[in-house]
Amino acid sequence: MRRHGLLLALMTTAGLATACGPGPGAVPCPAIAQATAVSVTVPAGYAQQVAGLHLKACQDGECTEDDVELRPGSSSIDQGCTNGVCSATASPNGSKDAVLMLQALTDSPMTVTASGTAPDGTALPVRSVEFRPRGDYPFGEQCGRFITAAVVLDAEGLRQQG
């Protein structure tokens, strides 16, 4: 759905590509570090009902919680490729995104709880979901496995993104 935004939100760029593995012919891997975080997307249809958001994430006996900053969400608009160089631009889509930073993130089951306030200050329903973060090799197996935890909060409740 918004894989590009999730990837950018959960990883920080460190600079130029590095080579994975020793010796000639090594496959280049981007120098990107994985952020240990849970991301939440509030779709446009529900975003106007959420003024503040508090997240709690528990995994492997450890819990982290905090008020998270809601930022305007966007969609990537493909601008095509010219001479092997491809580009895209971000376009606001009315959604809101937030990130809760964690000490660690594994692929073991996790519980995320969201509570918040409406624009008029009233409490939103408390929503929880238990799920298993996903592991993927976005740059190929030679570049290592990235684990992501992403949820969607809407009028129906809280669910794993994807």
N, C-alpha and C. Protein backbone atom coordinates (compact mmCIF):
# COMPACT_ATOMS: atom_id res chain seq x y z
N MET A 1 0.84 -1.18 0.00
CA MET A 1 0.00 0.00 0.00
C MET A 1 0.88 1.23 0.00
N ARG A 2 1.61 1.50 1.04
CA ARG A 2 2.48 2.67 1.12
C ARG A 2 3.89 2.22 1.46
N ARG A 3 4.31 1.16 0.81
CA ARG A 3 5.59 0.53 1.12
C ARG A 3 6.75 1.52 1.03
N HIS A 4 6.70 2.41 0.04
CA HIS A 4 7.76 3.39 -0.12
C HIS A 4 7.86 4.30 1.10
N GLY A 5 6.77 4.76 1.61
CA GLY A 5 6.77 5.63 2.79
C GLY A 5 7.25 4.88 4.02
N LEU A 6 6.83 3.64 4.16
CA LEU A 6 7.26 2.83 5.28
C LEU A 6 8.76 2.62 5.23
N LEU A 7 9.27 2.31 4.06
CA LEU A 7 10.70 2.07 3.93
C LEU A 7 11.48 3.32 4.31
N LEU A 8 11.02 4.48 3.87
CA LEU A 8 11.70 5.72 4.22
C LEU A 8 11.56 6.04 5.69
N ALA A 9 10.40 5.74 6.26
CA ALA A 9 10.18 6.05 7.67
C ALA A 9 10.96 5.14 8.59
N LEU A 10 11.17 3.92 8.20
CA LEU A 10 11.83 2.96 9.08
C LEU A 10 13.32 2.84 8.86
N MET A 11 13.86 3.52 7.87
CA MET A 11 15.29 3.44 7.60
C MET A 11 15.85 4.83 7.40
N THR A 12 17.07 5.02 7.74
CA THR A 12 17.75 6.28 7.50
C THR A 12 18.89 6.03 6.54
N THR A 13 19.11 6.96 5.67
CA THR A 13 20.15 6.82 4.67
C THR A 13 21.49 7.23 5.26
N ALA A 14 22.49 6.44 5.03
CA ALA A 14 23.81 6.74 5.56
C ALA A 14 24.77 7.24 4.50
N GLY A 15 24.40 7.22 3.25
CA GLY A 15 25.30 7.76 2.22
C GLY A 15 25.40 6.87 1.02
N LEU A 16 26.61 6.59 0.61
CA LEU A 16 26.87 5.85 -0.62
C LEU A 16 26.72 4.36 -0.44
N ALA A 17 26.66 3.65 -1.55
CA ALA A 17 26.54 2.19 -1.49
C ALA A 17 27.85 1.56 -1.05
N THR A 18 27.73 0.43 -0.40
CA THR A 18 28.90 -0.34 0.01
C THR A 18 28.81 -1.71 -0.63
N ALA A 19 29.89 -2.40 -0.67
CA ALA A 19 29.88 -3.74 -1.25
C ALA A 19 29.62 -4.77 -0.17
N CYS A 20 28.76 -5.71 -0.48
CA CYS A 20 28.47 -6.80 0.46
C CYS A 20 29.35 -7.98 0.10
N GLY A 21 29.98 -8.53 1.06
CA GLY A 21 30.80 -9.71 0.82
C GLY A 21 32.19 -9.34 0.34
N PRO A 22 33.12 -10.22 0.54
CA PRO A 22 34.50 -9.94 0.16
C PRO A 22 34.75 -10.21 -1.32
N GLY A 23 35.77 -9.56 -1.83
CA GLY A 23 36.29 -9.89 -3.15
C GLY A 23 35.58 -9.23 -4.30
N PRO A 24 36.14 -9.43 -5.47
CA PRO A 24 35.57 -8.85 -6.69
C PRO A 24 34.23 -9.48 -7.01
N GLY A 25 33.41 -8.72 -7.66
CA GLY A 25 32.09 -9.22 -8.04
C GLY A 25 31.07 -9.13 -6.93
N ALA A 26 31.43 -8.53 -5.80
CA ALA A 26 30.49 -8.37 -4.70
C ALA A 26 29.33 -7.49 -5.16
N VAL A 27 28.16 -7.83 -4.74
CA VAL A 27 26.96 -7.08 -5.10
C VAL A 27 26.88 -5.83 -4.23
N PRO A 28 26.71 -4.64 -4.83
CA PRO A 28 26.62 -3.43 -4.02
C PRO A 28 25.31 -3.39 -3.24
N CYS A 29 25.42 -2.95 -1.99
CA CYS A 29 24.27 -2.79 -1.12
C CYS A 29 24.21 -1.35 -0.64
N PRO A 30 23.02 -0.79 -0.53
CA PRO A 30 22.93 0.58 -0.02
C PRO A 30 23.38 0.64 1.43
N ALA A 31 24.01 1.73 1.80
CA ALA A 31 24.47 1.93 3.17
C ALA A 31 23.31 2.52 3.97
N ILE A 32 22.37 1.64 4.29
CA ILE A 32 21.15 2.06 4.98
C ILE A 32 21.05 1.27 6.27
N ALA A 33 20.78 1.98 7.35
CA ALA A 33 20.58 1.32 8.64
C ALA A 33 19.08 1.17 8.90
N GLN A 34 18.72 0.07 9.50
CA GLN A 34 17.32 -0.16 9.84
C GLN A 34 16.99 0.56 11.14
N ALA A 35 15.91 1.33 11.14
CA ALA A 35 15.42 1.94 12.37
C ALA A 35 14.52 0.94 13.07
N THR A 36 14.65 0.82 14.37
CA THR A 36 13.79 -0.07 15.13
C THR A 36 12.59 0.75 15.58
N ALA A 37 11.47 0.53 14.92
CA ALA A 37 10.30 1.38 15.16
C ALA A 37 9.03 0.67 14.73
N VAL A 38 7.92 1.19 15.23
CA VAL A 38 6.60 0.81 14.76
C VAL A 38 6.04 2.05 14.08
N SER A 39 5.57 1.90 12.85
CA SER A 39 4.95 3.03 12.17
C SER A 39 3.45 2.82 12.14
N VAL A 40 2.73 3.93 12.16
CA VAL A 40 1.26 3.89 12.10
C VAL A 40 0.81 4.86 11.01
N THR A 41 -0.16 4.40 10.24
CA THR A 41 -0.79 5.24 9.23
C THR A 41 -2.26 5.40 9.60
N VAL A 42 -2.72 6.65 9.57
CA VAL A 42 -4.13 6.95 9.77
C VAL A 42 -4.64 7.40 8.41
N PRO A 43 -5.44 6.57 7.73
CA PRO A 43 -5.92 6.90 6.38
C PRO A 43 -6.72 8.21 6.35
N ALA A 44 -6.78 8.80 5.17
CA ALA A 44 -7.45 10.08 4.99
C ALA A 44 -8.89 10.08 5.51
N GLY A 45 -9.60 8.99 5.35
CA GLY A 45 -10.99 8.92 5.78
C GLY A 45 -11.19 9.01 7.29
N TYR A 46 -10.13 8.80 8.07
CA TYR A 46 -10.21 8.84 9.53
C TYR A 46 -9.30 9.92 10.13
N ALA A 47 -8.37 10.41 9.34
CA ALA A 47 -7.34 11.32 9.83
C ALA A 47 -7.91 12.58 10.48
N GLN A 48 -9.01 13.10 9.97
CA GLN A 48 -9.58 14.33 10.53
C GLN A 48 -10.18 14.10 11.92
N GLN A 49 -10.39 12.84 12.30
CA GLN A 49 -10.94 12.52 13.62
C GLN A 49 -9.86 12.30 14.67
N VAL A 50 -8.58 12.37 14.26
CA VAL A 50 -7.47 12.11 15.17
C VAL A 50 -6.60 13.36 15.30
N ALA A 51 -6.60 13.96 16.51
CA ALA A 51 -5.77 15.13 16.75
C ALA A 51 -4.48 14.78 17.48
N GLY A 52 -4.53 13.79 18.36
CA GLY A 52 -3.37 13.34 19.11
C GLY A 52 -3.35 11.84 19.20
N LEU A 53 -2.16 11.24 19.30
CA LEU A 53 -2.06 9.79 19.30
C LEU A 53 -0.97 9.35 20.28
N HIS A 54 -1.29 8.31 21.06
CA HIS A 54 -0.36 7.70 22.00
C HIS A 54 -0.25 6.23 21.61
N LEU A 55 0.98 5.74 21.45
CA LEU A 55 1.21 4.34 21.07
C LEU A 55 1.97 3.61 22.17
N LYS A 56 1.64 2.35 22.33
CA LYS A 56 2.38 1.45 23.23
C LYS A 56 2.66 0.18 22.43
N ALA A 57 3.92 -0.23 22.41
CA ALA A 57 4.31 -1.45 21.70
C ALA A 57 5.04 -2.36 22.67
N CYS A 58 4.61 -3.62 22.74
CA CYS A 58 5.22 -4.61 23.63
C CYS A 58 5.68 -5.80 22.80
N GLN A 59 6.92 -6.21 23.05
CA GLN A 59 7.49 -7.35 22.35
C GLN A 59 8.59 -7.95 23.20
N ASP A 60 8.62 -9.27 23.30
CA ASP A 60 9.66 -9.98 24.04
C ASP A 60 9.79 -9.48 25.49
N GLY A 61 8.65 -9.16 26.11
CA GLY A 61 8.65 -8.73 27.50
C GLY A 61 9.04 -7.29 27.74
N GLU A 62 9.29 -6.53 26.71
CA GLU A 62 9.66 -5.12 26.80
C GLU A 62 8.56 -4.27 26.19
N CYS A 63 8.22 -3.16 26.86
CA CYS A 63 7.21 -2.24 26.33
C CYS A 63 7.81 -0.85 26.19
N THR A 64 7.40 -0.17 25.15
CA THR A 64 7.76 1.22 24.91
C THR A 64 6.48 1.96 24.60
N GLU A 65 6.32 3.14 25.19
CA GLU A 65 5.14 3.93 24.87
C GLU A 65 5.47 5.41 24.91
N ASP A 66 4.71 6.17 24.11
CA ASP A 66 4.93 7.61 24.06
C ASP A 66 3.83 8.25 23.21
N ASP A 67 3.66 9.55 23.40
CA ASP A 67 2.84 10.32 22.48
C ASP A 67 3.66 10.45 21.20
N VAL A 68 3.05 10.24 20.06
CA VAL A 68 3.78 10.31 18.79
C VAL A 68 3.30 11.52 17.99
N GLU A 69 4.21 12.04 17.19
CA GLU A 69 3.90 13.19 16.35
C GLU A 69 3.22 12.72 15.07
N LEU A 70 2.03 13.25 14.83
CA LEU A 70 1.32 12.94 13.58
C LEU A 70 1.79 13.91 12.50
N ARG A 71 2.23 13.35 11.39
CA ARG A 71 2.70 14.16 10.26
C ARG A 71 1.81 13.89 9.05
N PRO A 72 1.68 14.87 8.19
CA PRO A 72 0.89 14.66 6.97
C PRO A 72 1.48 13.52 6.13
N GLY A 73 0.62 12.63 5.67
CA GLY A 73 1.05 11.53 4.83
C GLY A 73 1.08 11.92 3.37
N SER A 74 1.73 11.10 2.57
CA SER A 74 1.82 11.38 1.14
C SER A 74 1.90 10.08 0.36
N SER A 75 1.67 10.19 -0.91
CA SER A 75 1.82 9.07 -1.84
C SER A 75 2.92 9.41 -2.83
N SER A 76 3.64 8.40 -3.28
CA SER A 76 4.66 8.62 -4.31
C SER A 76 4.01 8.63 -5.68
N ILE A 77 4.37 9.61 -6.46
CA ILE A 77 3.89 9.72 -7.84
C ILE A 77 5.07 9.45 -8.76
N ASP A 78 4.98 8.37 -9.52
CA ASP A 78 6.05 7.97 -10.44
C ASP A 78 6.21 9.03 -11.52
N GLN A 79 7.44 9.50 -11.70
CA GLN A 79 7.71 10.48 -12.75
C GLN A 79 8.46 9.85 -13.92
N GLY A 80 8.56 8.52 -13.89
CA GLY A 80 9.16 7.82 -15.00
C GLY A 80 10.67 7.75 -14.94
N CYS A 81 11.22 7.18 -16.01
CA CYS A 81 12.66 6.99 -16.09
C CYS A 81 13.19 7.60 -17.38
N THR A 82 14.37 8.22 -17.28
CA THR A 82 15.05 8.78 -18.44
C THR A 82 16.50 8.36 -18.37
N ASN A 83 16.99 7.72 -19.41
CA ASN A 83 18.38 7.27 -19.47
C ASN A 83 18.78 6.45 -18.24
N GLY A 84 17.89 5.59 -17.78
CA GLY A 84 18.17 4.72 -16.66
C GLY A 84 18.05 5.37 -15.29
N VAL A 85 17.66 6.63 -15.24
CA VAL A 85 17.48 7.33 -13.97
C VAL A 85 15.98 7.52 -13.75
N CYS A 86 15.49 6.99 -12.65
CA CYS A 86 14.06 7.06 -12.35
C CYS A 86 13.81 8.02 -11.20
N SER A 87 12.63 8.63 -11.20
CA SER A 87 12.32 9.56 -10.12
C SER A 87 10.85 9.49 -9.76
N ALA A 88 10.55 10.02 -8.59
CA ALA A 88 9.18 10.10 -8.09
C ALA A 88 9.07 11.36 -7.24
N THR A 89 7.87 11.79 -7.02
CA THR A 89 7.63 12.94 -6.16
C THR A 89 6.56 12.57 -5.14
N ALA A 90 6.57 13.25 -4.02
CA ALA A 90 5.58 13.00 -2.97
C ALA A 90 4.41 13.95 -3.15
N SER A 91 3.21 13.43 -2.98
CA SER A 91 2.00 14.23 -3.10
C SER A 91 1.14 14.00 -1.86
N PRO A 92 0.77 15.07 -1.13
CA PRO A 92 -0.08 14.89 0.06
C PRO A 92 -1.35 14.12 -0.29
N ASN A 93 -1.75 13.19 0.62
CA ASN A 93 -2.94 12.38 0.33
C ASN A 93 -3.99 12.44 1.43
N GLY A 94 -3.82 13.33 2.42
CA GLY A 94 -4.82 13.49 3.47
C GLY A 94 -4.66 12.55 4.64
N SER A 95 -3.74 11.60 4.56
CA SER A 95 -3.50 10.67 5.66
C SER A 95 -2.57 11.33 6.68
N LYS A 96 -2.36 10.63 7.81
CA LYS A 96 -1.39 11.05 8.81
C LYS A 96 -0.52 9.85 9.14
N ASP A 97 0.77 10.11 9.39
CA ASP A 97 1.73 9.06 9.72
C ASP A 97 2.44 9.41 11.02
N ALA A 98 2.84 8.37 11.76
CA ALA A 98 3.61 8.56 12.99
C ALA A 98 4.53 7.36 13.18
N VAL A 99 5.56 7.55 14.01
CA VAL A 99 6.54 6.51 14.27
C VAL A 99 6.83 6.48 15.77
N LEU A 100 6.83 5.27 16.34
CA LEU A 100 7.24 5.05 17.73
C LEU A 100 8.57 4.31 17.68
N MET A 101 9.64 4.97 18.15
CA MET A 101 10.96 4.35 18.15
C MET A 101 11.05 3.32 19.28
N LEU A 102 11.71 2.20 19.01
CA LEU A 102 11.86 1.10 19.96
C LEU A 102 13.34 0.86 20.24
N GLN A 103 13.63 0.18 21.37
CA GLN A 103 15.00 -0.22 21.67
C GLN A 103 15.45 -1.36 20.75
N ALA A 104 14.52 -2.26 20.43
CA ALA A 104 14.82 -3.41 19.58
C ALA A 104 13.56 -3.81 18.84
N LEU A 105 13.73 -4.49 17.72
CA LEU A 105 12.61 -5.01 16.94
C LEU A 105 13.02 -6.37 16.40
N THR A 106 12.23 -7.39 16.71
CA THR A 106 12.48 -8.74 16.22
C THR A 106 11.25 -9.20 15.44
N ASP A 107 11.30 -10.41 14.92
CA ASP A 107 10.13 -10.92 14.20
C ASP A 107 9.22 -11.75 15.11
N SER A 108 9.40 -11.64 16.42
CA SER A 108 8.49 -12.33 17.34
C SER A 108 7.21 -11.51 17.51
N PRO A 109 6.13 -12.15 17.99
CA PRO A 109 4.85 -11.43 18.10
C PRO A 109 4.97 -10.15 18.92
N MET A 110 4.17 -9.18 18.55
CA MET A 110 4.17 -7.87 19.19
C MET A 110 2.73 -7.42 19.37
N THR A 111 2.49 -6.67 20.43
CA THR A 111 1.18 -6.06 20.65
C THR A 111 1.35 -4.55 20.60
N VAL A 112 0.51 -3.91 19.80
CA VAL A 112 0.51 -2.45 19.70
C VAL A 112 -0.86 -1.96 20.14
N THR A 113 -0.85 -0.94 20.99
CA THR A 113 -2.08 -0.32 21.47
C THR A 113 -2.04 1.16 21.12
N ALA A 114 -3.14 1.65 20.56
CA ALA A 114 -3.25 3.06 20.19
C ALA A 114 -4.40 3.69 20.96
N SER A 115 -4.13 4.85 21.53
CA SER A 115 -5.16 5.66 22.16
C SER A 115 -4.93 7.08 21.68
N GLY A 116 -5.94 7.89 21.75
CA GLY A 116 -5.74 9.25 21.25
C GLY A 116 -6.89 10.15 21.59
N THR A 117 -6.81 11.34 21.02
CA THR A 117 -7.85 12.35 21.22
C THR A 117 -8.35 12.86 19.89
N ALA A 118 -9.62 13.23 19.91
CA ALA A 118 -10.25 13.86 18.75
C ALA A 118 -9.95 15.36 18.78
N PRO A 119 -10.22 16.07 17.70
CA PRO A 119 -9.97 17.52 17.69
C PRO A 119 -10.70 18.28 18.81
N ASP A 120 -11.84 17.77 19.26
CA ASP A 120 -12.57 18.45 20.34
C ASP A 120 -12.08 18.04 21.72
N GLY A 121 -11.03 17.22 21.80
CA GLY A 121 -10.44 16.82 23.07
C GLY A 121 -11.00 15.55 23.67
N THR A 122 -12.04 14.98 23.07
CA THR A 122 -12.60 13.74 23.61
C THR A 122 -11.68 12.57 23.27
N ALA A 123 -11.76 11.55 24.12
CA ALA A 123 -10.91 10.37 23.92
C ALA A 123 -11.43 9.51 22.77
N LEU A 124 -10.51 9.02 21.97
CA LEU A 124 -10.83 8.04 20.93
C LEU A 124 -10.86 6.66 21.57
N PRO A 125 -11.54 5.70 20.96
CA PRO A 125 -11.52 4.34 21.49
C PRO A 125 -10.09 3.79 21.53
N VAL A 126 -9.77 3.05 22.58
CA VAL A 126 -8.47 2.40 22.68
C VAL A 126 -8.51 1.16 21.80
N ARG A 127 -7.52 1.02 20.94
CA ARG A 127 -7.46 -0.10 19.98
C ARG A 127 -6.16 -0.86 20.16
N SER A 128 -6.21 -2.18 20.06
CA SER A 128 -5.00 -3.01 20.16
C SER A 128 -4.99 -4.06 19.06
N VAL A 129 -3.80 -4.46 18.71
CA VAL A 129 -3.63 -5.53 17.73
C VAL A 129 -2.37 -6.31 18.09
N GLU A 130 -2.45 -7.63 17.94
CA GLU A 130 -1.26 -8.47 18.09
C GLU A 130 -0.91 -9.01 16.72
N PHE A 131 0.36 -8.94 16.37
CA PHE A 131 0.80 -9.39 15.05
C PHE A 131 2.28 -9.73 15.11
N ARG A 132 2.77 -10.29 14.04
CA ARG A 132 4.19 -10.63 13.92
C ARG A 132 4.80 -9.69 12.88
N PRO A 133 5.82 -8.88 13.27
CA PRO A 133 6.49 -8.02 12.30
C PRO A 133 6.99 -8.83 11.11
N ARG A 134 7.11 -8.16 9.98
CA ARG A 134 7.50 -8.84 8.75
C ARG A 134 8.98 -8.65 8.46
N GLY A 135 9.58 -9.70 7.97
CA GLY A 135 10.97 -9.64 7.53
C GLY A 135 11.01 -9.71 6.02
N ASP A 136 11.89 -8.92 5.41
CA ASP A 136 11.98 -8.89 3.96
C ASP A 136 13.42 -8.56 3.56
N TYR A 137 13.75 -8.82 2.33
CA TYR A 137 15.06 -8.53 1.77
C TYR A 137 14.86 -7.51 0.64
N PRO A 138 14.61 -6.23 0.96
CA PRO A 138 14.29 -5.26 -0.08
C PRO A 138 15.42 -4.99 -1.06
N PHE A 139 16.66 -5.30 -0.68
CA PHE A 139 17.80 -5.05 -1.55
C PHE A 139 18.48 -6.35 -1.97
N GLY A 140 17.79 -7.49 -1.74
CA GLY A 140 18.33 -8.80 -2.06
C GLY A 140 18.90 -9.46 -0.82
N GLU A 141 18.94 -10.78 -0.83
CA GLU A 141 19.41 -11.54 0.33
C GLU A 141 20.84 -11.21 0.71
N GLN A 142 21.66 -10.84 -0.27
CA GLN A 142 23.05 -10.51 0.01
C GLN A 142 23.19 -9.25 0.86
N CYS A 143 22.16 -8.45 0.96
CA CYS A 143 22.24 -7.17 1.69
C CYS A 143 21.58 -7.23 3.06
N GLY A 144 21.08 -8.37 3.45
CA GLY A 144 20.53 -8.51 4.80
C GLY A 144 19.03 -8.34 4.87
N ARG A 145 18.48 -8.81 5.96
CA ARG A 145 17.04 -8.84 6.20
C ARG A 145 16.62 -7.61 7.00
N PHE A 146 15.56 -6.98 6.58
CA PHE A 146 14.98 -5.84 7.28
C PHE A 146 13.66 -6.27 7.90
N ILE A 147 13.45 -5.94 9.17
CA ILE A 147 12.20 -6.27 9.86
C ILE A 147 11.42 -4.99 10.03
N THR A 148 10.14 -5.04 9.66
CA THR A 148 9.29 -3.86 9.77
C THR A 148 8.02 -4.18 10.56
N ALA A 149 7.57 -3.20 11.31
CA ALA A 149 6.33 -3.30 12.06
C ALA A 149 5.50 -2.07 11.70
N ALA A 150 4.37 -2.29 11.06
CA ALA A 150 3.54 -1.17 10.61
C ALA A 150 2.07 -1.51 10.83
N VAL A 151 1.33 -0.53 11.33
CA VAL A 151 -0.09 -0.71 11.60
C VAL A 151 -0.89 0.42 10.96
N VAL A 152 -2.17 0.16 10.79
CA VAL A 152 -3.12 1.14 10.27
C VAL A 152 -4.20 1.35 11.32
N LEU A 153 -4.50 2.60 11.62
CA LEU A 153 -5.56 2.96 12.55
C LEU A 153 -6.65 3.66 11.77
N ASP A 154 -7.86 3.09 11.79
CA ASP A 154 -8.99 3.73 11.13
C ASP A 154 -10.25 3.52 11.97
N ALA A 155 -11.40 3.88 11.43
CA ALA A 155 -12.66 3.77 12.17
C ALA A 155 -12.97 2.32 12.55
N GLU A 156 -12.45 1.36 11.81
CA GLU A 156 -12.68 -0.06 12.08
C GLU A 156 -11.82 -0.58 13.23
N GLY A 157 -10.70 0.07 13.51
CA GLY A 157 -9.81 -0.37 14.56
C GLY A 157 -8.36 -0.25 14.16
N LEU A 158 -7.54 -1.13 14.73
CA LEU A 158 -6.09 -1.14 14.50
C LEU A 158 -5.75 -2.49 13.90
N ARG A 159 -4.96 -2.50 12.81
CA ARG A 159 -4.60 -3.74 12.15
C ARG A 159 -3.20 -3.61 11.56
N GLN A 160 -2.56 -4.74 11.30
CA GLN A 160 -1.25 -4.74 10.68
C GLN A 160 -1.37 -4.21 9.26
N GLN A 161 -0.42 -3.39 8.87
CA GLN A 161 -0.44 -2.85 7.51
C GLN A 161 0.01 -3.92 6.53
N GLY A 162 -0.62 -3.91 5.38
CA GLY A 162 -0.14 -4.80 4.35
C GLY A 162 -1.16 -5.70 3.88
